[in-house]
Amino acid sequence: MSKELVVKTNRLNQAFQTLSLSEFHIVQLAIVDARHTGTGLSTDTPLRIDELRYAEVFGTTRQNADQRMKEAECSWPL
């Protein structure tokens, strides 16, 4: 992701401080992918991030990416 700039406001930076590393990675990836695809971020439009994309961007295995994504999913309140 070194070539893909993510611009954030101070308020967003403060919110990010409460996220786990896996959650933070998913949010970063969602922002970059939303810009890249031109879909933007919206509650009405789903954005798919799979373990292969996570693994490629963050330099890990698909198995580790899957585990990190599951950890992030389980930490979100329902």
PDB file of N, CA and C in Angstrom:
ATOM      1  N   MET A   1       0.810  -1.193   0.000  1.00  0.00           N
ATOM      2  CA  MET A   1       0.000   0.000   0.000  1.00  0.00           C
ATOM      3  C   MET A   1       0.853   1.257   0.000  1.00  0.00           C
ATOM      4  N   SER A   2       2.149   1.168  -0.117  1.00  0.00           N
ATOM      5  CA  SER A   2       2.992   2.348  -0.045  1.00  0.00           C
ATOM      6  C   SER A   2       2.680   3.354  -1.142  1.00  0.00           C
ATOM      7  N   LYS A   3       2.194   2.911  -2.287  1.00  0.00           N
ATOM      8  CA  LYS A   3       1.892   3.815  -3.387  1.00  0.00           C
ATOM      9  C   LYS A   3       0.455   4.319  -3.344  1.00  0.00           C
ATOM     10  N   GLU A   4      -0.357   3.802  -2.447  1.00  0.00           N
ATOM     11  CA  GLU A   4      -1.764   4.164  -2.380  1.00  0.00           C
ATOM     12  C   GLU A   4      -2.005   5.011  -1.136  1.00  0.00           C
ATOM     13  N   LEU A   5      -2.155   6.299  -1.344  1.00  0.00           N
ATOM     14  CA  LEU A   5      -2.300   7.255  -0.255  1.00  0.00           C
ATOM     15  C   LEU A   5      -3.716   7.242   0.302  1.00  0.00           C
ATOM     16  N   VAL A   6      -3.816   7.223   1.625  1.00  0.00           N
ATOM     17  CA  VAL A   6      -5.108   7.335   2.300  1.00  0.00           C
ATOM     18  C   VAL A   6      -5.069   8.618   3.123  1.00  0.00           C
ATOM     19  N   VAL A   7      -5.946   9.556   2.795  1.00  0.00           N
ATOM     20  CA  VAL A   7      -6.015  10.829   3.504  1.00  0.00           C
ATOM     21  C   VAL A   7      -7.137  10.732   4.531  1.00  0.00           C
ATOM     22  N   LYS A   8      -6.812  11.085   5.794  1.00  0.00           N
ATOM     23  CA  LYS A   8      -7.787  10.956   6.876  1.00  0.00           C
ATOM     24  C   LYS A   8      -7.864  12.261   7.663  1.00  0.00           C
ATOM     25  N   THR A   9      -9.009  12.527   8.235  1.00  0.00           N
ATOM     26  CA  THR A   9      -9.154  13.685   9.107  1.00  0.00           C
ATOM     27  C   THR A   9      -8.662  13.332  10.502  1.00  0.00           C
ATOM     28  N   ASN A  10      -8.447  14.339  11.331  1.00  0.00           N
ATOM     29  CA  ASN A  10      -8.015  14.116  12.701  1.00  0.00           C
ATOM     30  C   ASN A  10      -9.044  13.293  13.467  1.00  0.00           C
ATOM     31  N   ARG A  11     -10.315  13.552  13.234  1.00  0.00           N
ATOM     32  CA  ARG A  11     -11.381  12.810  13.923  1.00  0.00           C
ATOM     33  C   ARG A  11     -11.316  11.325  13.563  1.00  0.00           C
ATOM     34  N   LEU A  12     -11.068  11.052  12.316  1.00  0.00           N
ATOM     35  CA  LEU A  12     -10.949   9.662  11.880  1.00  0.00           C
ATOM     36  C   LEU A  12      -9.714   9.017  12.495  1.00  0.00           C
ATOM     37  N   ASN A  13      -8.622   9.759  12.573  1.00  0.00           N
ATOM     38  CA  ASN A  13      -7.418   9.237  13.219  1.00  0.00           C
ATOM     39  C   ASN A  13      -7.689   8.869  14.672  1.00  0.00           C
ATOM     40  N   GLN A  14      -8.462   9.684  15.370  1.00  0.00           N
ATOM     41  CA  GLN A  14      -8.806   9.385  16.757  1.00  0.00           C
ATOM     42  C   GLN A  14      -9.648   8.117  16.845  1.00  0.00           C
ATOM     43  N   ALA A  15     -10.572   7.952  15.925  1.00  0.00           N
ATOM     44  CA  ALA A  15     -11.407   6.745  15.919  1.00  0.00           C
ATOM     45  C   ALA A  15     -10.563   5.508  15.636  1.00  0.00           C
ATOM     46  N   PHE A  16      -9.578   5.646  14.765  1.00  0.00           N
ATOM     47  CA  PHE A  16      -8.720   4.510  14.417  1.00  0.00           C
ATOM     48  C   PHE A  16      -7.924   4.002  15.617  1.00  0.00           C
ATOM     49  N   GLN A  17      -7.674   4.849  16.591  1.00  0.00           N
ATOM     50  CA  GLN A  17      -6.881   4.447  17.748  1.00  0.00           C
ATOM     51  C   GLN A  17      -7.558   3.358  18.568  1.00  0.00           C
ATOM     52  N   THR A  18      -8.861   3.192  18.411  1.00  0.00           N
ATOM     53  CA  THR A  18      -9.581   2.165  19.164  1.00  0.00           C
ATOM     54  C   THR A  18      -9.647   0.832  18.419  1.00  0.00           C
ATOM     55  N   LEU A  19      -9.181   0.801  17.173  1.00  0.00           N
ATOM     56  CA  LEU A  19      -9.269  -0.422  16.367  1.00  0.00           C
ATOM     57  C   LEU A  19      -8.064  -1.323  16.583  1.00  0.00           C
ATOM     58  N   SER A  20      -8.287  -2.617  16.420  1.00  0.00           N
ATOM     59  CA  SER A  20      -7.168  -3.556  16.401  1.00  0.00           C
ATOM     60  C   SER A  20      -6.426  -3.380  15.079  1.00  0.00           C
ATOM     61  N   LEU A  21      -5.249  -3.953  14.966  1.00  0.00           N
ATOM     62  CA  LEU A  21      -4.481  -3.847  13.728  1.00  0.00           C
ATOM     63  C   LEU A  21      -5.239  -4.459  12.555  1.00  0.00           C
ATOM     64  N   SER A  22      -5.873  -5.595  12.772  1.00  0.00           N
ATOM     65  CA  SER A  22      -6.640  -6.242  11.702  1.00  0.00           C
ATOM     66  C   SER A  22      -7.806  -5.369  11.257  1.00  0.00           C
ATOM     67  N   GLU A  23      -8.508  -4.782  12.212  1.00  0.00           N
ATOM     68  CA  GLU A  23      -9.624  -3.888  11.876  1.00  0.00           C
ATOM     69  C   GLU A  23      -9.123  -2.675  11.096  1.00  0.00           C
ATOM     70  N   PHE A  24      -8.011  -2.125  11.541  1.00  0.00           N
ATOM     71  CA  PHE A  24      -7.418  -0.967  10.876  1.00  0.00           C
ATOM     72  C   PHE A  24      -7.030  -1.314   9.439  1.00  0.00           C
ATOM     73  N   HIS A  25      -6.429  -2.481   9.244  1.00  0.00           N
ATOM     74  CA  HIS A  25      -6.057  -2.922   7.896  1.00  0.00           C
ATOM     75  C   HIS A  25      -7.279  -3.028   6.992  1.00  0.00           C
ATOM     76  N   ILE A  26      -8.360  -3.573   7.513  1.00  0.00           N
ATOM     77  CA  ILE A  26      -9.578  -3.733   6.710  1.00  0.00           C
ATOM     78  C   ILE A  26     -10.142  -2.370   6.315  1.00  0.00           C
ATOM     79  N   VAL A  27     -10.150  -1.430   7.238  1.00  0.00           N
ATOM     80  CA  VAL A  27     -10.652  -0.091   6.928  1.00  0.00           C
ATOM     81  C   VAL A  27      -9.767   0.575   5.876  1.00  0.00           C
ATOM     82  N   GLN A  28      -8.451   0.472   6.041  1.00  0.00           N
ATOM     83  CA  GLN A  28      -7.534   1.043   5.054  1.00  0.00           C
ATOM     84  C   GLN A  28      -7.771   0.439   3.675  1.00  0.00           C
ATOM     85  N   LEU A  29      -7.886  -0.865   3.633  1.00  0.00           N
ATOM     86  CA  LEU A  29      -8.089  -1.559   2.369  1.00  0.00           C
ATOM     87  C   LEU A  29      -9.424  -1.175   1.739  1.00  0.00           C
ATOM     88  N   ALA A  30     -10.446  -1.012   2.548  1.00  0.00           N
ATOM     89  CA  ALA A  30     -11.756  -0.597   2.032  1.00  0.00           C
ATOM     90  C   ALA A  30     -11.681   0.794   1.407  1.00  0.00           C
ATOM     91  N   ILE A  31     -10.977   1.704   2.048  1.00  0.00           N
ATOM     92  CA  ILE A  31     -10.838   3.060   1.514  1.00  0.00           C
ATOM     93  C   ILE A  31     -10.112   3.035   0.176  1.00  0.00           C
ATOM     94  N   VAL A  32      -8.998   2.328   0.125  1.00  0.00           N
ATOM     95  CA  VAL A  32      -8.212   2.255  -1.111  1.00  0.00           C
ATOM     96  C   VAL A  32      -9.005   1.583  -2.224  1.00  0.00           C
ATOM     97  N   ASP A  33      -9.649   0.463  -1.922  1.00  0.00           N
ATOM     98  CA  ASP A  33     -10.411  -0.257  -2.948  1.00  0.00           C
ATOM     99  C   ASP A  33     -11.619   0.541  -3.422  1.00  0.00           C
ATOM    100  N   ALA A  34     -12.269   1.264  -2.516  1.00  0.00           N
ATOM    101  CA  ALA A  34     -13.419   2.085  -2.904  1.00  0.00           C
ATOM    102  C   ALA A  34     -12.991   3.185  -3.867  1.00  0.00           C
ATOM    103  N   ARG A  35     -11.839   3.759  -3.622  1.00  0.00           N
ATOM    104  CA  ARG A  35     -11.319   4.782  -4.536  1.00  0.00           C
ATOM    105  C   ARG A  35     -10.905   4.158  -5.866  1.00  0.00           C
ATOM    106  N   HIS A  36     -10.227   3.031  -5.778  1.00  0.00           N
ATOM    107  CA  HIS A  36      -9.713   2.373  -6.988  1.00  0.00           C
ATOM    108  C   HIS A  36     -10.844   1.935  -7.916  1.00  0.00           C
ATOM    109  N   THR A  37     -11.905   1.407  -7.359  1.00  0.00           N
ATOM    110  CA  THR A  37     -13.025   0.924  -8.172  1.00  0.00           C
ATOM    111  C   THR A  37     -13.996   2.038  -8.539  1.00  0.00           C
ATOM    112  N   GLY A  38     -13.903   3.176  -7.853  1.00  0.00           N
ATOM    113  CA  GLY A  38     -14.803   4.290  -8.121  1.00  0.00           C
ATOM    114  C   GLY A  38     -16.175   4.130  -7.491  1.00  0.00           C
ATOM    115  N   THR A  39     -16.360   3.109  -6.646  1.00  0.00           N
ATOM    116  CA  THR A  39     -17.668   2.883  -6.028  1.00  0.00           C
ATOM    117  C   THR A  39     -17.892   3.763  -4.808  1.00  0.00           C
ATOM    118  N   GLY A  40     -16.822   4.222  -4.183  1.00  0.00           N
ATOM    119  CA  GLY A  40     -16.960   5.004  -2.966  1.00  0.00           C
ATOM    120  C   GLY A  40     -17.403   4.120  -1.808  1.00  0.00           C
ATOM    121  N   LEU A  41     -17.535   4.722  -0.644  1.00  0.00           N
ATOM    122  CA  LEU A  41     -17.990   4.002   0.543  1.00  0.00           C
ATOM    123  C   LEU A  41     -19.403   4.437   0.878  1.00  0.00           C
ATOM    124  N   SER A  42     -20.286   3.472   1.007  1.00  0.00           N
ATOM    125  CA  SER A  42     -21.685   3.755   1.290  1.00  0.00           C
ATOM    126  C   SER A  42     -22.294   2.562   2.004  1.00  0.00           C
ATOM    127  N   THR A  43     -23.243   2.827   2.874  1.00  0.00           N
ATOM    128  CA  THR A  43     -23.947   1.727   3.532  1.00  0.00           C
ATOM    129  C   THR A  43     -24.859   1.002   2.557  1.00  0.00           C
ATOM    130  N   ASP A  44     -25.141   1.631   1.420  1.00  0.00           N
ATOM    131  CA  ASP A  44     -26.018   1.023   0.415  1.00  0.00           C
ATOM    132  C   ASP A  44     -25.278   0.139  -0.585  1.00  0.00           C
ATOM    133  N   THR A  45     -23.963   0.305  -0.681  1.00  0.00           N
ATOM    134  CA  THR A  45     -23.183  -0.430  -1.670  1.00  0.00           C
ATOM    135  C   THR A  45     -22.124  -1.274  -0.970  1.00  0.00           C
ATOM    136  N   PRO A  46     -22.278  -2.591  -0.978  1.00  0.00           N
ATOM    137  CA  PRO A  46     -21.277  -3.433  -0.325  1.00  0.00           C
ATOM    138  C   PRO A  46     -19.935  -3.381  -1.057  1.00  0.00           C
ATOM    139  N   LEU A  47     -18.864  -3.522  -0.307  1.00  0.00           N
ATOM    140  CA  LEU A  47     -17.518  -3.572  -0.855  1.00  0.00           C
ATOM    141  C   LEU A  47     -16.889  -4.868  -0.372  1.00  0.00           C
ATOM    142  N   ARG A  48     -16.531  -5.730  -1.297  1.00  0.00           N
ATOM    143  CA  ARG A  48     -16.011  -7.047  -0.937  1.00  0.00           C
ATOM    144  C   ARG A  48     -14.492  -7.000  -0.780  1.00  0.00           C
ATOM    145  N   ILE A  49     -14.026  -7.515   0.353  1.00  0.00           N
ATOM    146  CA  ILE A  49     -12.598  -7.684   0.597  1.00  0.00           C
ATOM    147  C   ILE A  49     -12.399  -9.137   1.003  1.00  0.00           C
ATOM    148  N   ASP A  50     -11.644  -9.876   0.224  1.00  0.00           N
ATOM    149  CA  ASP A  50     -11.425 -11.279   0.571  1.00  0.00           C
ATOM    150  C   ASP A  50      -9.999 -11.486   1.079  1.00  0.00           C
ATOM    151  N   GLU A  51      -9.743 -12.700   1.558  1.00  0.00           N
ATOM    152  CA  GLU A  51      -8.441 -12.964   2.178  1.00  0.00           C
ATOM    153  C   GLU A  51      -7.294 -12.873   1.187  1.00  0.00           C
ATOM    154  N   LEU A  52      -7.529 -13.159  -0.085  1.00  0.00           N
ATOM    155  CA  LEU A  52      -6.466 -13.057  -1.084  1.00  0.00           C
ATOM    156  C   LEU A  52      -6.021 -11.604  -1.243  1.00  0.00           C
ATOM    157  N   ARG A  53      -6.975 -10.698  -1.334  1.00  0.00           N
ATOM    158  CA  ARG A  53      -6.649  -9.268  -1.464  1.00  0.00           C
ATOM    159  C   ARG A  53      -5.917  -8.778  -0.214  1.00  0.00           C
ATOM    160  N   TYR A  54      -6.410  -9.154   0.961  1.00  0.00           N
ATOM    161  CA  TYR A  54      -5.773  -8.772   2.227  1.00  0.00           C
ATOM    162  C   TYR A  54      -4.335  -9.296   2.258  1.00  0.00           C
ATOM    163  N   ALA A  55      -4.156 -10.560   1.886  1.00  0.00           N
ATOM    164  CA  ALA A  55      -2.828 -11.182   1.912  1.00  0.00           C
ATOM    165  C   ALA A  55      -1.866 -10.481   0.959  1.00  0.00           C
ATOM    166  N   GLU A  56      -2.334 -10.162  -0.240  1.00  0.00           N
ATOM    167  CA  GLU A  56      -1.479  -9.496  -1.226  1.00  0.00           C
ATOM    168  C   GLU A  56      -1.033  -8.124  -0.740  1.00  0.00           C
ATOM    169  N   VAL A  57      -1.955  -7.356  -0.216  1.00  0.00           N
ATOM    170  CA  VAL A  57      -1.654  -5.984   0.189  1.00  0.00           C
ATOM    171  C   VAL A  57      -0.759  -5.942   1.421  1.00  0.00           C
ATOM    172  N   PHE A  58      -1.019  -6.814   2.397  1.00  0.00           N
ATOM    173  CA  PHE A  58      -0.296  -6.747   3.661  1.00  0.00           C
ATOM    174  C   PHE A  58       0.814  -7.793   3.783  1.00  0.00           C
ATOM    175  N   GLY A  59       1.121  -8.476   2.678  1.00  0.00           N
ATOM    176  CA  GLY A  59       2.281  -9.363   2.637  1.00  0.00           C
ATOM    177  C   GLY A  59       2.214 -10.530   3.600  1.00  0.00           C
ATOM    178  N   THR A  60       1.105 -11.241   3.581  1.00  0.00           N
ATOM    179  CA  THR A  60       0.947 -12.392   4.461  1.00  0.00           C
ATOM    180  C   THR A  60       0.337 -13.548   3.671  1.00  0.00           C
ATOM    181  N   THR A  61       0.125 -14.665   4.326  1.00  0.00           N
ATOM    182  CA  THR A  61      -0.487 -15.818   3.660  1.00  0.00           C
ATOM    183  C   THR A  61      -2.003 -15.673   3.652  1.00  0.00           C
ATOM    184  N   ARG A  62      -2.641 -16.431   2.771  1.00  0.00           N
ATOM    185  CA  ARG A  62      -4.111 -16.411   2.731  1.00  0.00           C
ATOM    186  C   ARG A  62      -4.688 -16.934   4.041  1.00  0.00           C
ATOM    187  N   GLN A  63      -4.037 -17.941   4.622  1.00  0.00           N
ATOM    188  CA  GLN A  63      -4.522 -18.509   5.877  1.00  0.00           C
ATOM    189  C   GLN A  63      -4.449 -17.476   7.001  1.00  0.00           C
ATOM    190  N   ASN A  64      -3.334 -16.759   7.070  1.00  0.00           N
ATOM    191  CA  ASN A  64      -3.196 -15.733   8.102  1.00  0.00           C
ATOM    192  C   ASN A  64      -4.175 -14.588   7.856  1.00  0.00           C
ATOM    193  N   ALA A  65      -4.343 -14.210   6.605  1.00  0.00           N
ATOM    194  CA  ALA A  65      -5.299 -13.148   6.270  1.00  0.00           C
ATOM    195  C   ALA A  65      -6.707 -13.554   6.688  1.00  0.00           C
ATOM    196  N   ASP A  66      -7.077 -14.799   6.412  1.00  0.00           N
ATOM    197  CA  ASP A  66      -8.401 -15.290   6.796  1.00  0.00           C
ATOM    198  C   ASP A  66      -8.576 -15.224   8.313  1.00  0.00           C
ATOM    199  N   GLN A  67      -7.550 -15.634   9.045  1.00  0.00           N
ATOM    200  CA  GLN A  67      -7.619 -15.603  10.508  1.00  0.00           C
ATOM    201  C   GLN A  67      -7.749 -14.163  11.016  1.00  0.00           C
ATOM    202  N   ARG A  68      -6.963 -13.241  10.463  1.00  0.00           N
ATOM    203  CA  ARG A  68      -7.020 -11.837  10.889  1.00  0.00           C
ATOM    204  C   ARG A  68      -8.393 -11.238  10.597  1.00  0.00           C
ATOM    205  N   MET A  69      -8.959 -11.568   9.439  1.00  0.00           N
ATOM    206  CA  MET A  69     -10.270 -11.024   9.080  1.00  0.00           C
ATOM    207  C   MET A  69     -11.360 -11.585   9.986  1.00  0.00           C
ATOM    208  N   LYS A  70     -11.248 -12.861  10.356  1.00  0.00           N
ATOM    209  CA  LYS A  70     -12.221 -13.455  11.281  1.00  0.00           C
ATOM    210  C   LYS A  70     -12.114 -12.822  12.662  1.00  0.00           C
ATOM    211  N   GLU A  71     -10.879 -12.561  13.115  1.00  0.00           N
ATOM    212  CA  GLU A  71     -10.681 -11.894  14.403  1.00  0.00           C
ATOM    213  C   GLU A  71     -11.335 -10.515  14.400  1.00  0.00           C
ATOM    214  N   ALA A  72     -11.147  -9.785  13.321  1.00  0.00           N
ATOM    215  CA  ALA A  72     -11.742  -8.449  13.217  1.00  0.00           C
ATOM    216  C   ALA A  72     -13.262  -8.540  13.212  1.00  0.00           C
ATOM    217  N   GLU A  73     -13.794  -9.507  12.501  1.00  0.00           N
ATOM    218  CA  GLU A  73     -15.249  -9.680  12.439  1.00  0.00           C
ATOM    219  C   GLU A  73     -15.829 -10.001  13.811  1.00  0.00           C
ATOM    220  N   CYS A  74     -15.154 -10.856  14.561  1.00  0.00           N
ATOM    221  CA  CYS A  74     -15.658 -11.270  15.878  1.00  0.00           C
ATOM    222  C   CYS A  74     -15.569 -10.153  16.912  1.00  0.00           C
ATOM    223  N   SER A  75     -14.717  -9.170  16.686  1.00  0.00           N
ATOM    224  CA  SER A  75     -14.568  -8.093  17.668  1.00  0.00           C
ATOM    225  C   SER A  75     -15.607  -6.992  17.497  1.00  0.00           C
ATOM    226  N   TRP A  76     -16.339  -6.993  16.390  1.00  0.00           N
ATOM    227  CA  TRP A  76     -17.363  -5.963  16.158  1.00  0.00           C
ATOM    228  C   TRP A  76     -18.639  -6.331  16.883  1.00  0.00           C
ATOM    229  N   PRO A  77     -19.239  -5.359  17.584  1.00  0.00           N
ATOM    230  CA  PRO A  77     -20.510  -5.650  18.270  1.00  0.00           C
ATOM    231  C   PRO A  77     -21.631  -5.868  17.261  1.00  0.00           C
ATOM    232  N   LEU A  78     -22.535  -6.740  17.609  1.00  0.00           N
ATOM    233  CA  LEU A  78     -23.664  -7.021  16.708  1.00  0.00           C
ATOM    234  C   LEU A  78     -24.806  -6.082  16.963  1.00  0.00           C
TER     235      LEU A  78
END
